[in-house]
Amino acid sequence: MHLRVTFVAAARNASVLAERFEDDRPLDQAGWEEVQRAAPELIPLAAAELRYCSPTPRSRATGDALGYTPLAQLALRDCDMGRWRGFTLAEAMAREPEAVDVWLADPRATPHGGESMHSFISRVGSWLDTRPADDGGSIVAVAEPSVVRAALLYALKAPPSAYWNIDVRPLSTVTVVGHSGRWNVRLDGTAGR
């Protein structure tokens, strides 16, 4: 049995110049406009049998604007960054350079008091592996770019260090096809660009 899960990266705020850990701000006007430009390419994904989203306001709003009416999934939340929540990587580095170095070097480390990168990737992978596996079934999931990166690492069985080498643009899509424990990645492109 094979399942097709298409991840759509949530739209972003134009005011966000750098990605923030666990950024839960809603879409601003520029984000809404970005969704509207990408909508013709992304609306057909609403035909998926199941539609999910990360529990962030931005992911929910992106999914709703595209007509998905997604169900929020707690397992698709961003990595718990503990006391670094809301910081950029540069801000965390300025405050705790040694702790950031440990976190970047060791995927099991939690110097911020939150979730390790290893645990985050495993959580997202477990969500993927527990989706209903009707042969030929399809799912769409609107998620933060960090969640999409974690899903890709899990599907590819790539080391956590590769997380930093994947750039997930807002409103881009990627599809994984397969079943629990065996996923293949299919690149769909970037919507609206």
C-alpha atoms as a PDB file:
ATOM      1  CA  MET A   1       0.000   0.000   0.000  1.00  0.00           C
ATOM      2  CA  HIS A   2       1.297   3.427  -0.937  1.00  0.00           C
ATOM      3  CA  LEU A   3       0.356   6.805   0.360  1.00  0.00           C
ATOM      4  CA  ARG A   4       1.156  10.229  -1.088  1.00  0.00           C
ATOM      5  CA  VAL A   5       1.788  13.013   1.432  1.00  0.00           C
ATOM      6  CA  THR A   6       2.357  16.488  -0.001  1.00  0.00           C
ATOM      7  CA  PHE A   7       3.838  19.049   2.344  1.00  0.00           C
ATOM      8  CA  VAL A   8       3.144  22.726   1.637  1.00  0.00           C
ATOM      9  CA  ALA A   9       5.413  25.155   3.444  1.00  0.00           C
ATOM     10  CA  ALA A  10       3.415  27.856   5.217  1.00  0.00           C
ATOM     11  CA  ALA A  11       3.511  31.414   3.896  1.00  0.00           C
ATOM     12  CA  ARG A  12       5.713  33.785   5.841  1.00  0.00           C
ATOM     13  CA  ASN A  13       5.534  37.286   7.177  1.00  0.00           C
ATOM     14  CA  ALA A  14       7.323  39.846   5.025  1.00  0.00           C
ATOM     15  CA  SER A  15       8.599  41.466   8.208  1.00  0.00           C
ATOM     16  CA  VAL A  16      10.539  38.324   9.093  1.00  0.00           C
ATOM     17  CA  LEU A  17      14.060  38.962   7.875  1.00  0.00           C
ATOM     18  CA  ALA A  18      15.485  35.919   9.630  1.00  0.00           C
ATOM     19  CA  GLU A  19      13.821  32.664  10.588  1.00  0.00           C
ATOM     20  CA  ARG A  20      12.913  32.556  14.267  1.00  0.00           C
ATOM     21  CA  PHE A  21      12.652  29.460  16.427  1.00  0.00           C
ATOM     22  CA  GLU A  22       9.002  28.558  17.041  1.00  0.00           C
ATOM     23  CA  ASP A  23       7.748  31.724  15.348  1.00  0.00           C
ATOM     24  CA  ASP A  24       3.986  31.737  15.905  1.00  0.00           C
ATOM     25  CA  ARG A  25       3.068  35.119  14.447  1.00  0.00           C
ATOM     26  CA  PRO A  26       0.081  35.156  12.061  1.00  0.00           C
ATOM     27  CA  LEU A  27       0.270  36.044   8.372  1.00  0.00           C
ATOM     28  CA  ASP A  28       0.631  39.728   7.596  1.00  0.00           C
ATOM     29  CA  GLN A  29      -0.697  41.428   4.445  1.00  0.00           C
ATOM     30  CA  ALA A  30       2.361  40.431   2.416  1.00  0.00           C
ATOM     31  CA  GLY A  31       1.874  36.809   3.479  1.00  0.00           C
ATOM     32  CA  TRP A  32      -1.774  36.870   2.395  1.00  0.00           C
ATOM     33  CA  GLU A  33      -0.751  38.329  -0.955  1.00  0.00           C
ATOM     34  CA  GLU A  34       1.877  35.617  -1.352  1.00  0.00           C
ATOM     35  CA  VAL A  35      -0.774  32.943  -0.746  1.00  0.00           C
ATOM     36  CA  GLN A  36      -3.098  34.543  -3.301  1.00  0.00           C
ATOM     37  CA  ARG A  37      -0.352  34.530  -5.959  1.00  0.00           C
ATOM     38  CA  ALA A  38       0.419  30.850  -5.308  1.00  0.00           C
ATOM     39  CA  ALA A  39      -3.216  29.762  -4.959  1.00  0.00           C
ATOM     40  CA  PRO A  40      -3.813  28.684  -8.590  1.00  0.00           C
ATOM     41  CA  GLU A  41      -1.049  26.074  -8.268  1.00  0.00           C
ATOM     42  CA  LEU A  42      -1.855  24.989  -4.709  1.00  0.00           C
ATOM     43  CA  ILE A  43      -5.668  24.935  -4.569  1.00  0.00           C
ATOM     44  CA  PRO A  44      -5.895  21.610  -6.466  1.00  0.00           C
ATOM     45  CA  LEU A  45      -4.201  19.937  -3.474  1.00  0.00           C
ATOM     46  CA  ALA A  46      -7.475  20.479  -1.587  1.00  0.00           C
ATOM     47  CA  ALA A  47      -8.706  17.330  -3.370  1.00  0.00           C
ATOM     48  CA  ALA A  48      -6.569  15.237  -0.984  1.00  0.00           C
ATOM     49  CA  GLU A  49      -8.565  12.813   1.135  1.00  0.00           C
ATOM     50  CA  LEU A  50      -6.983  14.146   4.338  1.00  0.00           C
ATOM     51  CA  ARG A  51      -5.800  17.716   5.007  1.00  0.00           C
ATOM     52  CA  TYR A  52      -3.647  18.662   7.973  1.00  0.00           C
ATOM     53  CA  CYS A  53      -1.566  21.583   9.244  1.00  0.00           C
ATOM     54  CA  SER A  54       0.912  22.543  11.915  1.00  0.00           C
ATOM     55  CA  PRO A  55      -0.814  24.166  14.898  1.00  0.00           C
ATOM     56  CA  THR A  56       0.737  27.587  14.146  1.00  0.00           C
ATOM     57  CA  PRO A  57      -1.495  30.504  13.138  1.00  0.00           C
ATOM     58  CA  ARG A  58       0.493  30.930   9.928  1.00  0.00           C
ATOM     59  CA  SER A  59       0.070  27.274   8.864  1.00  0.00           C
ATOM     60  CA  ARG A  60      -3.631  27.253   9.707  1.00  0.00           C
ATOM     61  CA  ALA A  61      -4.221  30.542   7.841  1.00  0.00           C
ATOM     62  CA  THR A  62      -2.280  29.314   4.796  1.00  0.00           C
ATOM     63  CA  GLY A  63      -4.325  26.109   4.680  1.00  0.00           C
ATOM     64  CA  ASP A  64      -7.608  27.942   5.171  1.00  0.00           C
ATOM     65  CA  ALA A  65      -6.773  30.514   2.480  1.00  0.00           C
ATOM     66  CA  LEU A  66      -6.126  27.660   0.046  1.00  0.00           C
ATOM     67  CA  GLY A  67      -9.470  26.027   0.872  1.00  0.00           C
ATOM     68  CA  TYR A  68      -7.966  22.990   2.590  1.00  0.00           C
ATOM     69  CA  THR A  69      -9.826  23.408   5.908  1.00  0.00           C
ATOM     70  CA  PRO A  70      -6.946  21.536   7.570  1.00  0.00           C
ATOM     71  CA  LEU A  71      -7.018  19.706  10.871  1.00  0.00           C
ATOM     72  CA  ALA A  72      -4.209  20.871  13.179  1.00  0.00           C
ATOM     73  CA  GLN A  73      -1.803  18.140  14.217  1.00  0.00           C
ATOM     74  CA  LEU A  74       0.215  18.638  17.385  1.00  0.00           C
ATOM     75  CA  ALA A  75       2.900  16.280  16.048  1.00  0.00           C
ATOM     76  CA  LEU A  76       3.528  18.764  13.207  1.00  0.00           C
ATOM     77  CA  ARG A  77       4.499  21.573  15.581  1.00  0.00           C
ATOM     78  CA  ASP A  78       7.896  23.195  15.329  1.00  0.00           C
ATOM     79  CA  CYS A  79      10.819  21.926  17.400  1.00  0.00           C
ATOM     80  CA  ASP A  80      10.465  22.923  21.057  1.00  0.00           C
ATOM     81  CA  MET A  81      13.319  25.380  21.447  1.00  0.00           C
ATOM     82  CA  GLY A  82      12.911  25.973  25.169  1.00  0.00           C
ATOM     83  CA  ARG A  83      14.359  29.293  26.274  1.00  0.00           C
ATOM     84  CA  TRP A  84      15.449  30.091  22.678  1.00  0.00           C
ATOM     85  CA  ARG A  85      11.831  30.307  21.511  1.00  0.00           C
ATOM     86  CA  GLY A  86      11.349  33.387  19.345  1.00  0.00           C
ATOM     87  CA  PHE A  87      15.083  33.939  18.848  1.00  0.00           C
ATOM     88  CA  THR A  88      16.938  33.840  15.575  1.00  0.00           C
ATOM     89  CA  LEU A  89      19.973  31.579  15.444  1.00  0.00           C
ATOM     90  CA  ALA A  90      22.171  34.708  15.555  1.00  0.00           C
ATOM     91  CA  GLU A  91      20.389  35.973  18.698  1.00  0.00           C
ATOM     92  CA  ALA A  92      20.811  32.614  20.447  1.00  0.00           C
ATOM     93  CA  MET A  93      24.472  32.578  19.415  1.00  0.00           C
ATOM     94  CA  ALA A  94      25.027  36.077  20.802  1.00  0.00           C
ATOM     95  CA  ARG A  95      23.557  35.056  24.172  1.00  0.00           C
ATOM     96  CA  GLU A  96      24.808  31.479  24.514  1.00  0.00           C
ATOM     97  CA  PRO A  97      27.537  30.763  21.940  1.00  0.00           C
ATOM     98  CA  GLU A  98      28.856  27.608  23.605  1.00  0.00           C
ATOM     99  CA  ALA A  99      25.358  26.164  24.022  1.00  0.00           C
ATOM    100  CA  VAL A 100      24.533  26.836  20.367  1.00  0.00           C
ATOM    101  CA  ASP A 101      27.782  25.156  19.295  1.00  0.00           C
ATOM    102  CA  VAL A 102      26.842  22.066  21.337  1.00  0.00           C
ATOM    103  CA  TRP A 103      23.320  22.042  19.861  1.00  0.00           C
ATOM    104  CA  LEU A 104      24.593  22.355  16.279  1.00  0.00           C
ATOM    105  CA  ALA A 105      27.183  19.594  16.783  1.00  0.00           C
ATOM    106  CA  ASP A 106      25.075  17.051  18.678  1.00  0.00           C
ATOM    107  CA  PRO A 107      21.557  16.178  17.394  1.00  0.00           C
ATOM    108  CA  ARG A 108      20.670  14.719  20.808  1.00  0.00           C
ATOM    109  CA  ALA A 109      21.673  17.833  22.768  1.00  0.00           C
ATOM    110  CA  THR A 110      19.127  20.118  24.414  1.00  0.00           C
ATOM    111  CA  PRO A 111      21.124  23.010  25.853  1.00  0.00           C
ATOM    112  CA  HIS A 112      18.101  25.287  25.359  1.00  0.00           C
ATOM    113  CA  GLY A 113      15.976  23.131  27.633  1.00  0.00           C
ATOM    114  CA  GLY A 114      13.612  22.041  24.854  1.00  0.00           C
ATOM    115  CA  GLU A 115      13.543  19.208  22.342  1.00  0.00           C
ATOM    116  CA  SER A 116      16.593  17.720  20.628  1.00  0.00           C
ATOM    117  CA  MET A 117      16.867  17.786  16.845  1.00  0.00           C
ATOM    118  CA  HIS A 118      16.845  13.984  16.901  1.00  0.00           C
ATOM    119  CA  SER A 119      13.586  13.911  18.879  1.00  0.00           C
ATOM    120  CA  PHE A 120      12.009  16.530  16.615  1.00  0.00           C
ATOM    121  CA  ILE A 121      12.824  14.580  13.445  1.00  0.00           C
ATOM    122  CA  SER A 122      11.608  11.350  15.064  1.00  0.00           C
ATOM    123  CA  ARG A 123       8.333  12.991  16.136  1.00  0.00           C
ATOM    124  CA  VAL A 124       7.603  14.252  12.626  1.00  0.00           C
ATOM    125  CA  GLY A 125       8.618  10.867  11.187  1.00  0.00           C
ATOM    126  CA  SER A 126       6.317   9.031  13.580  1.00  0.00           C
ATOM    127  CA  TRP A 127       3.437  11.230  12.438  1.00  0.00           C
ATOM    128  CA  LEU A 128       4.251  10.377   8.830  1.00  0.00           C
ATOM    129  CA  ASP A 129       4.490   6.645   9.565  1.00  0.00           C
ATOM    130  CA  THR A 130       1.115   6.558  11.322  1.00  0.00           C
ATOM    131  CA  ARG A 131      -0.947   8.090   8.503  1.00  0.00           C
ATOM    132  CA  PRO A 132      -3.758   5.880   7.184  1.00  0.00           C
ATOM    133  CA  ALA A 133      -2.197   3.851   4.370  1.00  0.00           C
ATOM    134  CA  ASP A 134      -4.989   3.362   1.858  1.00  0.00           C
ATOM    135  CA  ASP A 135      -3.424   2.374  -1.450  1.00  0.00           C
ATOM    136  CA  GLY A 136      -3.252   5.451  -3.617  1.00  0.00           C
ATOM    137  CA  GLY A 137      -4.468   7.690  -0.802  1.00  0.00           C
ATOM    138  CA  SER A 138      -3.402  11.318  -0.670  1.00  0.00           C
ATOM    139  CA  ILE A 139      -2.736  13.764   2.132  1.00  0.00           C
ATOM    140  CA  VAL A 140      -1.792  17.434   2.134  1.00  0.00           C
ATOM    141  CA  ALA A 141      -0.089  18.966   5.172  1.00  0.00           C
ATOM    142  CA  VAL A 142       0.655  22.679   5.558  1.00  0.00           C
ATOM    143  CA  ALA A 143       3.591  23.022   7.903  1.00  0.00           C
ATOM    144  CA  GLU A 144       6.349  25.340   8.997  1.00  0.00           C
ATOM    145  CA  PRO A 145       9.529  25.029   6.907  1.00  0.00           C
ATOM    146  CA  SER A 146      11.329  23.392   9.844  1.00  0.00           C
ATOM    147  CA  VAL A 147       8.735  20.596   9.925  1.00  0.00           C
ATOM    148  CA  VAL A 148       9.052  20.052   6.176  1.00  0.00           C
ATOM    149  CA  ARG A 149      12.849  19.786   6.584  1.00  0.00           C
ATOM    150  CA  ALA A 150      12.396  17.248   9.388  1.00  0.00           C
ATOM    151  CA  ALA A 151      10.000  15.179   7.240  1.00  0.00           C
ATOM    152  CA  LEU A 152      12.497  15.179   4.368  1.00  0.00           C
ATOM    153  CA  LEU A 153      15.335  14.025   6.629  1.00  0.00           C
ATOM    154  CA  TYR A 154      13.168  11.241   7.986  1.00  0.00           C
ATOM    155  CA  ALA A 155      12.008  10.101   4.549  1.00  0.00           C
ATOM    156  CA  LEU A 156      15.557  10.131   3.178  1.00  0.00           C
ATOM    157  CA  LYS A 157      17.018   8.546   6.322  1.00  0.00           C
ATOM    158  CA  ALA A 158      19.532  11.396   6.221  1.00  0.00           C
ATOM    159  CA  PRO A 159      21.635  12.381   9.226  1.00  0.00           C
ATOM    160  CA  PRO A 160      20.276  15.240  11.368  1.00  0.00           C
ATOM    161  CA  SER A 161      23.268  17.370  10.374  1.00  0.00           C
ATOM    162  CA  ALA A 162      21.749  17.613   6.859  1.00  0.00           C
ATOM    163  CA  TYR A 163      18.879  19.655   8.337  1.00  0.00           C
ATOM    164  CA  TRP A 164      20.931  22.818   7.868  1.00  0.00           C
ATOM    165  CA  ASN A 165      21.482  22.047   4.176  1.00  0.00           C
ATOM    166  CA  ILE A 166      17.815  22.037   3.178  1.00  0.00           C
ATOM    167  CA  ASP A 167      16.193  25.323   2.214  1.00  0.00           C
ATOM    168  CA  VAL A 168      12.400  25.191   2.290  1.00  0.00           C
ATOM    169  CA  ARG A 169      10.880  28.290   0.724  1.00  0.00           C
ATOM    170  CA  PRO A 170       7.423  29.548   1.745  1.00  0.00           C
ATOM    171  CA  LEU A 171       4.629  27.907  -0.251  1.00  0.00           C
ATOM    172  CA  SER A 172       6.964  25.372  -1.825  1.00  0.00           C
ATOM    173  CA  THR A 173       5.781  21.773  -2.004  1.00  0.00           C
ATOM    174  CA  VAL A 174       7.431  18.402  -1.677  1.00  0.00           C
ATOM    175  CA  THR A 175       5.791  14.999  -1.767  1.00  0.00           C
ATOM    176  CA  VAL A 176       6.768  11.776  -0.057  1.00  0.00           C
ATOM    177  CA  VAL A 177       5.325   8.552  -1.415  1.00  0.00           C
ATOM    178  CA  GLY A 178       5.376   5.181   0.282  1.00  0.00           C
ATOM    179  CA  HIS A 179       4.387   3.714   3.609  1.00  0.00           C
ATOM    180  CA  SER A 180       5.622   3.382   7.171  1.00  0.00           C
ATOM    181  CA  GLY A 181       9.383   3.051   7.212  1.00  0.00           C
ATOM    182  CA  ARG A 182       9.821   3.315   3.438  1.00  0.00           C
ATOM    183  CA  TRP A 183       9.376   6.703   1.840  1.00  0.00           C
ATOM    184  CA  ASN A 184      10.544   8.156  -1.467  1.00  0.00           C
ATOM    185  CA  VAL A 185      10.819  11.901  -2.052  1.00  0.00           C
ATOM    186  CA  ARG A 186       9.270  13.466  -5.127  1.00  0.00           C
ATOM    187  CA  LEU A 187      10.142  17.124  -5.757  1.00  0.00           C
ATOM    188  CA  ASP A 188       7.125  19.046  -7.015  1.00  0.00           C
ATOM    189  CA  GLY A 189       8.727  22.464  -7.358  1.00  0.00           C
ATOM    190  CA  THR A 190       7.938  25.845  -5.886  1.00  0.00           C
ATOM    191  CA  ALA A 191       4.512  27.335  -6.334  1.00  0.00           C
ATOM    192  CA  GLY A 192       4.083  30.830  -7.604  1.00  0.00           C
ATOM    193  CA  ARG A 193       7.707  31.402  -8.618  1.00  0.00           C
END
